[in-house]
Every structure is written in C-alpha cells, then in structure tokens.
Amino acid sequence: MAIWKKTFTLNQLNEMSKNCAIEHLGIEVSAVGENWIEAKMPVDHRTTQPFGLLHGGVSVALAETIGSLAGFLCIEEGQVALGLDINANHLRPVKQGFVTAKATPIALSQNTHVWQIDIRDEEDKLCCVSRLTLSIKHL
C-alpha cells in the first residue's frame, strides 16, 4: 500500500530544492515507489573532502534530505516533519560517480517517523546506512 499523502511529480519535488543547499550539492530526487523514495548525488568537488573521498557529513546531508522529504510526503496538510535525530555509519569510501540514497519507513506514527536511508555507489555497494527520526507537529 502506498504511504504518500501528497500528490507530486519528480519534477515538482526537484523544483522545491532550487536555491538552497540541496541544489548546491547536486542532490536530485530520482525515483519513487509505493513505500520508498530515492535521490542521487554526484561525488565531485562539491561533495568530497580534501582526500578526494565522499565527505561523511555530506552523506548525512543526503540522508536527511531524502528522509525529511519522505516524511513531508507522508503527512497531512497543516503538519510539519522536523528532524529530531540522525545517525550514520560510513561503510565504504566513494571516490567518483554518483551515490543513491533510498529512504524506507521503519515506523510511521502520528507523532514520530523513523526512516532507514541506505546510500549505495554505482556498483550497488552499500556505502552508508543512516537512520532518521522525525517529529511530526501541527502548525
């Protein structure tokens, strides 16, 4: 069963990211399923650390971006999803290409969401696992 409560296109989701950190990092929503959403990000001069590897903090930014967007799409109008906690385990370095982050829900309640975000390289190797907790509030 689909979990999304808002109607959207990939183009609309990507338009929301103009003129902010998401656009600067090159993050782009790339696919959506019934209970998951994915975003791609380049591994380039914007996203690497001085040793030429994907910056761990940027991986966390990617995870929080796609997890928060997923939360936003799962809530009713008049509600907001606010980041409460995020953690990440960096499992494999990435030097080039793109990484893809896939967010899937672990728990979706009225007040709290918990999302699992797996980041994989172009060879589909797991590079980072992250868990994001969102607090759902009424405006």
Foldseek 3Di string as FASTA:
>chain_A
DAQFPDDDDQVRVQVVPPPDVCVQQVWGWDDDDRFKTKIKGWQDPSADDPVQWGDPVVVQVRQCVRQLVSVVRRDDPQKHKAWDDKDKDFDDIDRGDMKMWMWGWPDDDQFKTKIWIFIAGPVRHTGMIMIIMITMGGD
